[in-house]
Protein backbone atom coordinates (compact mmCIF):
# COMPACT_ATOMS: atom_id res chain seq x y z
CA MET A 1 77.97 85.38 89.93
CA ASN A 2 80.32 85.95 93.02
CA GLY A 3 78.19 89.52 94.42
CA VAL A 4 75.05 90.23 96.06
CA THR A 5 72.90 89.29 93.16
CA ASP A 6 71.44 86.17 91.48
CA GLY A 7 70.55 87.03 88.07
CA ALA A 8 67.60 85.64 86.72
CA ALA A 9 65.85 84.98 90.03
CA ASP A 10 66.37 88.46 91.51
CA GLY A 11 65.66 89.74 88.01
CA ASP A 12 62.07 88.34 88.13
CA ARG A 13 61.67 89.48 91.40
CA ALA A 14 62.98 93.09 90.31
CA THR A 15 60.09 92.82 87.68
CA GLU A 16 57.32 92.05 90.36
CA VAL A 17 58.56 94.68 92.64
CA ALA A 18 58.83 97.33 89.72
CA ALA A 19 55.13 96.57 88.75
CA GLY A 20 53.84 96.95 92.23
CA LEU A 21 55.95 100.45 92.67
CA THR A 22 53.93 101.51 89.04
CA ALA A 23 50.97 100.66 90.36
CA ARG A 24 51.73 102.96 93.25
CA GLY A 25 52.72 105.81 91.03
CA VAL A 26 56.57 105.34 91.64
CA THR A 27 58.14 106.44 88.15
CA ALA A 28 62.10 106.39 89.11
CA VAL A 29 63.95 104.43 91.66
CA ALA A 30 67.16 106.49 93.09
CA LEU A 31 70.52 103.93 93.36
CA ALA A 32 72.05 105.65 96.44
CA TRP A 33 75.62 104.96 97.93
CA VAL A 34 77.51 107.33 100.23
CA ASP A 35 81.26 108.56 99.39
CA ASN A 36 84.18 108.88 101.64
CA ALA A 37 83.36 112.66 101.73
CA GLY A 38 80.35 111.77 103.17
CA ILE A 39 77.86 112.54 100.20
CA THR A 40 75.36 110.84 99.21
CA ARG A 41 75.69 110.09 95.50
CA VAL A 42 73.11 108.42 93.05
CA LYS A 43 71.84 107.34 89.88
CA THR A 44 68.50 106.80 89.32
CA VAL A 45 66.72 104.38 86.68
CA PRO A 46 62.89 104.53 85.09
CA THR A 47 60.76 101.86 87.33
CA ALA A 48 60.54 99.92 84.11
CA ARG A 49 64.33 99.43 83.97
CA LEU A 50 64.49 98.27 87.53
CA ALA A 51 64.73 94.60 86.55
CA HIS A 52 66.97 95.39 84.32
CA ALA A 53 69.49 97.12 87.12
CA ILE A 54 69.35 94.33 89.28
CA ARG A 55 70.30 91.58 86.79
CA TRP A 56 72.98 93.71 85.44
CA GLY A 57 74.00 96.95 87.82
CA VAL A 58 74.21 100.50 86.53
CA GLY A 59 77.47 101.87 85.45
CA MET A 60 79.21 104.31 88.13
CA SER A 61 82.72 104.95 87.65
CA PRO A 62 85.27 104.65 90.56
CA VAL A 63 86.66 107.89 90.55
CA PHE A 64 83.82 108.69 92.88
CA ASP A 65 85.82 107.25 95.69
CA VAL A 66 88.09 109.80 95.86
CA PHE A 67 85.40 112.68 95.38
CA CYS A 68 85.86 115.40 97.99
CA VAL A 69 82.93 117.81 99.68
CA ASP A 70 83.68 120.73 97.01
CA ASP A 71 83.19 117.91 93.93
CA SER A 72 87.08 118.35 93.26
CA ILE A 73 88.48 114.80 92.44
CA THR A 74 92.17 113.77 94.28
CA THR A 75 93.77 110.64 93.81
CA SER A 76 94.69 107.50 95.69
CA ARG A 77 97.44 104.85 95.07
CA HIS A 78 94.69 101.86 93.97
CA ILE A 79 91.80 104.64 92.80
CA GLY A 80 91.87 107.46 90.66
CA GLY A 81 91.36 108.93 87.46
CA PRO A 82 88.63 108.29 84.40
CA VAL A 83 89.61 104.67 83.66
CA GLY A 84 87.23 101.65 84.73
CA ASP A 85 83.93 101.05 85.47
CA LEU A 86 81.71 99.62 88.75
CA ARG A 87 78.09 98.29 88.70
CA LEU A 88 75.34 99.89 91.30
CA TYR A 89 73.26 96.77 92.31
CA PRO A 90 70.10 98.31 94.42
CA ASP A 91 69.07 96.14 97.17
CA LEU A 92 65.67 95.35 96.90
CA ASP A 93 65.02 94.20 100.23
CA ALA A 94 65.76 97.87 101.65
CA LEU A 95 63.90 99.87 98.71
CA ARG A 96 61.24 102.18 99.82
CA VAL A 97 58.85 104.66 98.50
CA LEU A 98 59.80 108.19 99.26
CA ASP A 99 56.71 109.81 100.85
CA ALA A 100 57.66 113.20 100.71
CA GLN A 101 58.82 112.83 96.99
CA PRO A 102 55.43 111.48 94.87
CA GLY A 103 56.70 109.19 92.09
CA TRP A 104 60.26 108.10 93.53
CA ALA A 105 61.89 105.49 95.59
CA ILE A 106 65.06 104.88 96.39
CA ALA A 107 67.44 101.66 97.17
CA PRO A 108 70.62 101.61 98.80
CA ALA A 109 73.06 100.14 96.33
CA ASP A 110 76.25 97.99 96.79
CA ARG A 111 79.10 98.47 94.19
CA LEU A 112 80.28 95.53 92.22
CA THR A 113 83.20 94.97 89.92
CA GLN A 114 82.09 93.93 86.11
CA ASP A 115 82.82 90.57 86.91
CA GLY A 116 80.43 90.15 89.91
CA ASP A 117 82.48 90.94 92.97
CA ALA A 118 82.32 93.41 95.61
CA HIS A 119 84.38 96.48 94.85
CA PRO A 120 87.15 96.52 97.95
CA ALA A 121 86.29 100.08 98.35
CA CYS A 122 82.40 99.57 98.55
CA GLN A 123 81.56 101.10 102.09
CA ARG A 124 78.46 99.33 102.56
CA SER A 125 79.76 96.06 101.80
CA PHE A 126 82.80 96.39 104.26
CA ALA A 127 79.89 97.44 106.82
CA ARG A 128 77.90 94.31 105.76
CA ARG A 129 81.61 91.94 105.94
CA MET A 130 82.20 93.11 109.58
CA VAL A 131 78.92 92.35 110.61
CA GLU A 132 79.35 88.61 109.44
CA ARG A 133 82.56 88.37 110.51
CA ALA A 134 81.45 88.75 113.80
CA GLY A 135 78.00 87.20 113.73
CA ALA A 136 80.33 84.23 112.67
CA ASP A 137 81.66 84.06 116.13
CA GLY A 138 78.16 84.76 117.79
CA LEU A 139 78.42 88.50 118.29
CA THR A 140 75.56 90.92 116.91
CA PHE A 141 74.65 94.33 117.56
CA ARG A 142 71.81 96.66 117.46
CA MET A 143 72.50 100.08 116.36
CA ALA A 144 70.62 103.20 115.64
CA PHE A 145 71.96 106.89 114.73
CA GLU A 146 70.50 110.12 116.06
CA PHE A 147 69.81 113.06 113.59
CA GLU A 148 70.08 116.63 114.88
CA TRP A 149 69.42 119.33 112.00
CA PHE A 150 69.22 122.48 111.42
CA VAL A 151 65.72 124.01 110.00
CA GLY A 152 66.83 127.26 107.82
CA ALA A 153 64.70 129.39 106.19
CA HIS A 154 65.47 131.05 102.81
CA ASN A 155 66.66 134.84 102.37
CA GLY A 156 64.08 135.45 99.91
CA VAL A 157 67.12 135.34 96.81
CA HIS A 158 67.20 131.81 96.00
CA ASP A 159 71.04 132.18 94.60
CA ALA A 160 74.47 132.27 95.84
CA GLY A 161 73.92 134.79 98.55
CA ASP A 162 71.39 132.73 99.98
CA ASN A 163 73.89 130.90 102.19
CA GLU A 164 73.17 132.91 105.49
CA PRO A 165 71.83 130.21 108.37
CA ILE A 166 68.61 131.85 109.06
CA PRO A 167 66.41 129.56 111.50
CA ALA A 168 63.23 128.72 110.90
CA CYS A 169 62.29 128.95 114.21
CA THR A 170 62.80 131.38 117.12
CA GLY A 171 61.50 129.43 120.19
CA PRO A 172 64.20 128.30 123.03
CA ALA A 173 66.03 125.29 123.35
CA TYR A 174 63.65 122.14 124.00
CA GLY A 175 60.93 124.77 124.00
CA MET A 176 57.35 123.86 123.04
CA THR A 177 57.35 127.36 121.13
CA ARG A 178 59.48 125.49 118.47
CA VAL A 179 57.10 122.87 118.09
CA VAL A 180 54.17 125.10 117.82
CA GLU A 181 56.21 127.12 114.91
CA LEU A 182 56.94 124.28 113.11
CA ALA A 183 53.94 122.13 114.08
CA ASP A 184 53.29 121.11 110.29
CA TYR A 185 56.72 120.78 109.34
CA ALA A 186 57.54 118.19 112.25
CA ARG A 187 54.14 116.75 111.47
CA ASP A 188 55.15 115.90 107.92
CA VAL A 189 58.43 114.43 108.96
CA LEU A 190 57.37 111.99 111.19
CA ALA A 191 54.35 111.11 109.16
CA ALA A 192 56.83 110.61 105.97
CA LEU A 193 58.94 108.32 108.12
CA ALA A 194 56.05 106.41 109.26
CA ALA A 195 54.90 105.72 105.65
CA GLU A 196 58.17 104.36 105.03
CA GLY A 197 58.71 102.15 107.40
CA VAL A 198 60.82 103.99 109.92
CA ALA A 199 60.14 103.89 113.41
CA VAL A 200 60.64 106.99 115.20
CA ASP A 201 61.49 106.68 119.00
CA GLN A 202 61.43 110.59 119.98
CA PHE A 203 61.36 114.06 118.23
CA HIS A 204 62.07 117.27 119.88
CA PRO A 205 64.06 120.70 119.66
CA GLU A 206 67.31 121.05 120.34
CA TYR A 207 69.70 123.19 121.75
CA ALA A 208 71.00 125.60 119.10
CA PRO A 209 68.95 128.11 117.12
CA GLY A 210 66.62 126.34 114.59
CA GLN A 211 67.97 122.81 115.71
CA LEU A 212 66.01 120.08 116.01
CA GLU A 213 66.35 116.19 116.76
CA LEU A 214 64.98 112.81 116.16
CA SER A 215 66.03 109.34 117.18
CA ILE A 216 65.14 106.12 115.66
CA ALA A 217 64.37 102.49 116.81
CA ALA A 218 67.96 100.47 116.68
CA THR A 219 68.22 97.60 114.21
CA ASP A 220 70.90 96.00 112.57
CA PRO A 221 74.10 97.77 111.93
CA VAL A 222 73.76 97.79 108.05
CA THR A 223 70.32 98.72 108.22
CA ALA A 224 70.98 101.11 110.55
CA ALA A 225 73.06 102.68 108.19
CA ASP A 226 70.85 102.39 105.30
CA ARG A 227 68.24 104.52 107.39
CA VAL A 228 70.73 106.93 107.70
CA VAL A 229 70.24 107.97 103.90
CA LEU A 230 66.69 107.55 104.24
CA VAL A 231 65.73 109.60 107.29
CA ARG A 232 68.41 112.26 105.97
CA GLU A 233 67.04 112.63 102.72
CA THR A 234 63.30 112.63 103.58
CA ILE A 235 64.04 115.34 105.91
CA ARG A 236 65.23 117.43 103.26
CA ALA A 237 62.31 116.42 100.92
CA VAL A 238 60.07 117.78 103.58
CA SER A 239 62.25 120.89 104.25
CA ALA A 240 61.82 121.72 100.80
CA ARG A 241 58.09 121.06 100.56
CA HIS A 242 58.00 123.69 103.36
CA GLY A 243 60.17 126.13 101.44
CA LEU A 244 62.44 125.21 104.01
CA ARG A 245 66.03 123.52 104.09
CA ALA A 246 67.58 121.13 106.01
CA SER A 247 71.88 121.11 107.12
CA PHE A 248 73.28 118.20 108.91
CA ALA A 249 76.52 119.44 108.73
CA PRO A 250 78.83 119.19 112.05
CA MET A 251 78.66 123.16 111.83
CA VAL A 252 75.91 125.65 110.49
CA SER A 253 77.52 128.80 112.43
CA ALA A 254 81.12 128.74 113.46
CA GLY A 255 81.67 129.03 117.21
CA GLY A 256 78.10 127.90 117.72
CA VAL A 257 76.26 124.28 118.67
CA GLY A 258 76.95 121.81 116.24
CA ASN A 259 74.79 118.95 114.83
CA GLY A 260 75.65 115.54 115.92
CA GLN A 261 74.85 112.19 114.78
CA HIS A 262 75.52 109.81 117.66
CA LEU A 263 75.64 106.55 117.45
CA HIS A 264 73.89 103.96 119.89
CA VAL A 265 75.23 100.26 120.13
CA SER A 266 74.23 97.55 122.15
CA ALA A 267 76.24 93.82 121.55
CA TRP A 268 74.53 90.58 122.07
CA GLU A 269 75.42 86.96 122.21
CA ASN A 270 73.13 83.99 122.56
CA GLY A 271 70.27 86.69 123.17
CA THR A 272 71.94 88.16 126.01
CA ASN A 273 73.15 91.81 125.84
CA LEU A 274 76.70 92.20 127.00
CA PHE A 275 76.04 95.91 128.42
CA ALA A 276 73.66 94.37 131.13
CA GLY A 277 73.35 91.56 134.21
CA GLY A 278 77.23 91.47 134.57
CA GLU A 279 79.62 91.98 137.43
CA GLY A 280 81.30 95.15 136.02
CA PRO A 281 80.91 98.49 135.83
CA HIS A 282 77.11 99.66 135.91
CA GLY A 283 76.35 96.22 135.07
CA LEU A 284 78.58 95.39 132.22
CA THR A 285 79.59 91.71 131.38
CA GLY A 286 82.96 91.05 131.77
CA ARG A 287 82.82 90.83 127.58
CA GLY A 288 81.02 94.02 127.24
CA GLU A 289 83.53 95.64 129.05
CA SER A 290 86.48 94.52 127.02
CA LEU A 291 84.44 95.60 123.88
CA LEU A 292 84.16 99.14 125.50
CA ALA A 293 87.28 99.20 126.57
CA GLY A 294 88.77 98.25 122.83
CA VAL A 295 86.61 101.24 121.06
CA LEU A 296 87.54 103.63 123.66
CA ALA A 297 91.33 102.84 123.30
CA HIS A 298 91.02 102.83 119.57
CA LEU A 299 89.14 106.05 119.48
CA PRO A 300 91.56 108.37 118.37
CA ALA A 301 91.47 106.34 115.01
CA LEU A 302 87.47 105.77 114.96
CA CYS A 303 87.54 109.55 114.70
CA ALA A 304 88.80 109.78 111.56
CA ILE A 305 85.82 107.70 110.14
CA SER A 306 83.01 108.89 112.74
CA ALA A 307 84.60 112.85 112.65
CA PRO A 308 85.80 112.64 109.17
CA SER A 309 85.59 116.59 107.88
CA VAL A 310 87.51 119.69 108.45
CA PRO A 311 84.27 121.10 110.07
CA SER A 312 83.75 118.10 112.42
CA TYR A 313 86.62 119.80 114.97
CA LEU A 314 84.85 122.84 115.10
CA ARG A 315 82.32 121.15 116.71
CA LEU A 316 84.34 118.61 118.69
CA VAL A 317 85.46 120.70 121.50
CA PRO A 318 84.72 121.07 125.35
CA GLN A 319 81.71 121.96 127.20
CA HIS A 320 79.52 121.94 123.83
CA TRP A 321 78.22 117.87 124.85
CA ALA A 322 80.03 116.79 121.60
CA GLY A 323 82.33 114.12 123.60
CA PRO A 324 85.84 115.61 122.89
CA PHE A 325 87.76 113.69 125.61
CA GLN A 326 88.69 110.01 125.19
CA CYS A 327 86.81 108.86 128.57
CA TRP A 328 83.62 107.21 129.16
CA GLY A 329 81.25 107.51 132.51
CA LEU A 330 77.36 106.60 133.09
CA GLU A 331 74.95 109.19 131.53
CA ASN A 332 78.07 111.85 130.72
CA ARG A 333 77.38 113.59 127.61
CA GLU A 334 80.88 115.06 127.66
CA ALA A 335 82.71 111.91 127.58
CA ALA A 336 82.92 110.50 124.09
CA LEU A 337 81.62 106.93 125.23
CA ARG A 338 78.48 107.30 127.20
CA LEU A 339 77.18 104.38 128.72
CA ILE A 340 73.03 104.21 129.11
CA THR A 341 71.70 101.48 131.41
CA GLY A 342 68.06 102.10 131.08
CA THR A 343 65.83 102.20 133.54
CA ALA A 344 65.20 99.88 136.42
CA GLY A 345 63.03 96.86 134.49
CA SER A 346 64.65 97.17 131.38
CA ARG A 347 68.17 97.15 131.56
CA ALA A 348 68.51 93.56 129.89
CA SER A 349 67.18 95.00 126.55
CA ALA A 350 67.75 98.69 127.12
CA ALA A 351 71.11 98.89 127.98
CA ASN A 352 73.57 100.31 125.25
CA ALA A 353 76.76 102.42 124.77
CA GLU A 354 76.43 105.91 123.27
CA LEU A 355 79.50 107.09 120.62
CA LYS A 356 79.37 110.80 120.80
CA CYS A 357 82.00 111.84 118.41
CA VAL A 358 80.22 111.09 115.42
CA ASP A 359 78.59 113.63 113.05
CA GLY A 360 76.55 114.09 109.72
CA SER A 361 79.92 114.25 107.75
CA ALA A 362 80.64 110.43 108.38
CA ASN A 363 79.97 107.95 106.07
CA PRO A 364 77.27 105.69 108.38
CA TYR A 365 78.39 102.22 106.82
CA LEU A 366 81.95 103.09 107.51
CA VAL A 367 81.07 103.96 111.06
CA VAL A 368 79.12 101.04 111.51
CA GLY A 369 81.40 98.66 110.02
CA ALA A 370 84.34 100.21 112.17
CA VAL A 371 82.76 99.78 115.23
CA ALA A 372 82.01 96.16 114.56
CA ALA A 373 85.50 95.45 113.79
CA LEU A 374 86.49 96.91 116.71
CA ALA A 375 84.11 95.27 118.99
CA HIS A 376 84.90 91.79 117.36
CA THR A 377 88.40 91.94 117.62
CA THR A 378 88.17 93.25 121.24
CA VAL A 379 85.20 91.19 122.90
CA ALA A 380 87.22 88.46 124.29
CA LYS A 381 90.56 90.27 125.13
CA GLY A 382 89.70 90.89 128.70
CA LEU A 383 90.43 94.60 128.67
CA ARG A 384 88.95 96.65 131.67
CA LEU A 385 87.85 100.31 131.53
CA PRO A 386 89.94 102.94 132.58
CA ALA A 387 88.63 104.67 135.67
CA GLU A 388 84.85 106.17 135.11
CA VAL A 389 84.89 110.11 134.53
CA THR A 390 81.86 111.12 136.68
CA VAL A 391 82.06 114.99 136.06
CA ASP A 392 82.87 117.32 132.84
CA PRO A 393 86.22 116.20 131.80
CA ALA A 394 87.24 119.98 131.07
CA GLU A 395 86.74 120.68 134.74
CA LEU A 396 89.39 118.32 135.89
CA PRO A 397 92.64 119.29 136.98
CA ASP A 398 95.34 118.79 134.00
CA ALA A 399 96.83 116.07 135.90
CA THR A 400 93.79 113.95 135.66
CA ARG A 401 91.69 115.22 132.87
CA PRO A 402 91.65 112.73 129.80
CA ALA A 403 92.97 113.26 126.74
CA ARG A 404 91.73 114.95 124.21
CA LEU A 405 90.45 113.37 120.80
CA PRO A 406 91.84 114.62 117.67
CA ARG A 407 91.52 118.03 116.93
CA SER A 408 91.94 118.26 113.44
CA VAL A 409 91.20 115.92 110.41
CA THR A 410 95.18 115.45 109.99
CA GLU A 411 95.39 114.32 113.39
CA ALA A 412 92.79 112.08 113.46
CA THR A 413 94.03 110.56 110.02
CA GLU A 414 97.62 109.85 111.24
CA ALA A 415 95.80 108.17 114.09
CA LEU A 416 93.96 105.84 111.96
CA ALA A 417 96.74 105.29 109.22
CA HIS A 418 98.66 103.82 112.25
CA ASP A 419 96.14 101.88 113.47
CA ASP A 420 96.25 98.05 113.00
CA VAL A 421 93.07 97.02 114.10
CA LEU A 422 91.07 99.29 111.53
CA GLY A 423 93.51 99.41 108.57
CA ALA A 424 93.35 95.78 108.48
CA ALA A 425 89.89 95.57 108.93
CA LEU A 426 89.06 98.47 105.81
CA GLY A 427 91.46 96.90 103.40
CA GLU A 428 94.49 99.19 101.35
CA PRO A 429 92.00 100.41 98.80
CA LEU A 430 89.44 101.35 100.94
CA LEU A 431 91.72 103.01 103.19
CA GLY A 432 94.22 104.37 100.79
CA ALA A 433 91.17 106.35 99.19
CA PHE A 434 89.54 107.53 102.26
CA LEU A 435 92.68 108.98 103.49
CA ALA A 436 93.36 110.53 100.38
CA VAL A 437 89.78 112.04 100.46
CA ARG A 438 90.76 113.57 103.96
CA ALA A 439 93.83 114.90 103.07
CA ALA A 440 92.72 116.77 100.43
CA GLU A 441 90.01 118.62 102.24
CA ALA A 442 92.32 119.42 104.65
CA GLU A 443 94.63 120.97 102.32
CA LEU A 444 91.57 122.39 100.63
CA PHE A 445 90.27 124.55 103.63
CA ALA A 446 93.97 125.15 105.23
CA PRO A 447 93.63 128.62 104.12
CA SER A 448 90.25 129.30 105.61
CA SER A 449 88.56 130.63 108.55
CA PRO A 450 86.37 129.00 110.68
CA GLU A 451 83.70 131.45 109.08
CA GLY A 452 85.04 130.23 105.82
CA ILE A 453 85.02 126.58 106.59
CA VAL A 454 81.32 126.40 107.87
CA ALA A 455 80.23 128.96 105.01
CA ALA A 456 81.73 126.17 102.36
CA THR A 457 80.12 123.19 103.90
CA ARG A 458 76.79 124.63 105.70
CA TRP A 459 74.48 122.94 102.81
CA LYS A 460 76.73 119.91 101.63
CA TYR A 461 75.62 117.75 104.22
């Protein structure tokens, strides 16, 4: 078999895993993947069928590559329509028992053809391929996403009218009052993630009403993307058990502060962090600076992947700490690329860059794969960063203000369509399907007001 499974050997292992899951009371396993609209899709199998799924996969139509956020279906040159089949193969190494959903486990799935080859539009396979390509040249990464989400209360109706964002707490931004109000809820979120093996670095109330944030430990890029699914669905399940609901949507209230899902990245060669100990700005090595300069140069195209939805561009506005300007700066939270050196004594391990123009409508596998592809392509080019921005970019004079990142899905996707590096990395089937979804969603929401866009997507992510 040319895919990710090894037939009988993996089937035997899956039989053992299934027996252990059954002993723990797990009756079903969700096989999960994330589509081009940023929605986590699943098929589930009874635990007793896990070995069969490992050996032969579980059928899934390729049409889901052209599903939009509202479940309408578009089409693309290579993908679309009712014909064809793929197979979902669960990754046993990434399988986790869901602490907040008793009787359930989840496993990220790779999508293979019926001949056992990787589906050319499989986002997880794309991420793995880009990471392996960089690794073959000695370049590795540590990545971690941050999670901002809105905790909402129901209005007591639980029907189509139950759409308004009612904050589940009333305390001030970063206030201990919110922690007190949601103490049981926050405790259960942290306990569930710990039980699932997710190392949490910190948790705190955020700026917007009802908004919380969680940061987890860095790991390899594919695992970092896997954890996006695990963390978000765990938070969603804990919320439901408390009679609450969670939204990771870019915008929950039109005109307010949105939810980000920022990505932290460090790049390594031969055990050395390329963002520390060098002669470049703030200790960047020459190769580290070249890598970041390359990512910065390609940010307009990368935005189509990292901030891909129509509501993304209601969030990506100046003076909301969303990183809407194509610039970089040390600890500058209004720059799209924020350099973080860490405290003295920790910099060799702690130095990293934060990509701020990322939100929860993004497919995390596409994000990490795209960043890995750009980093690998530009690390050896000897590029230099432009002048650092040390103030709020919005307050600079027009002549010296850095360029704004795209202001719409259409502008971002045009940049992606003309970006040779990302286009070649993604490949036509995946790029074509992704662009088709983005174009269809732009058309879908073209007549809508910001309030209408937010209302239609608030509970989708």
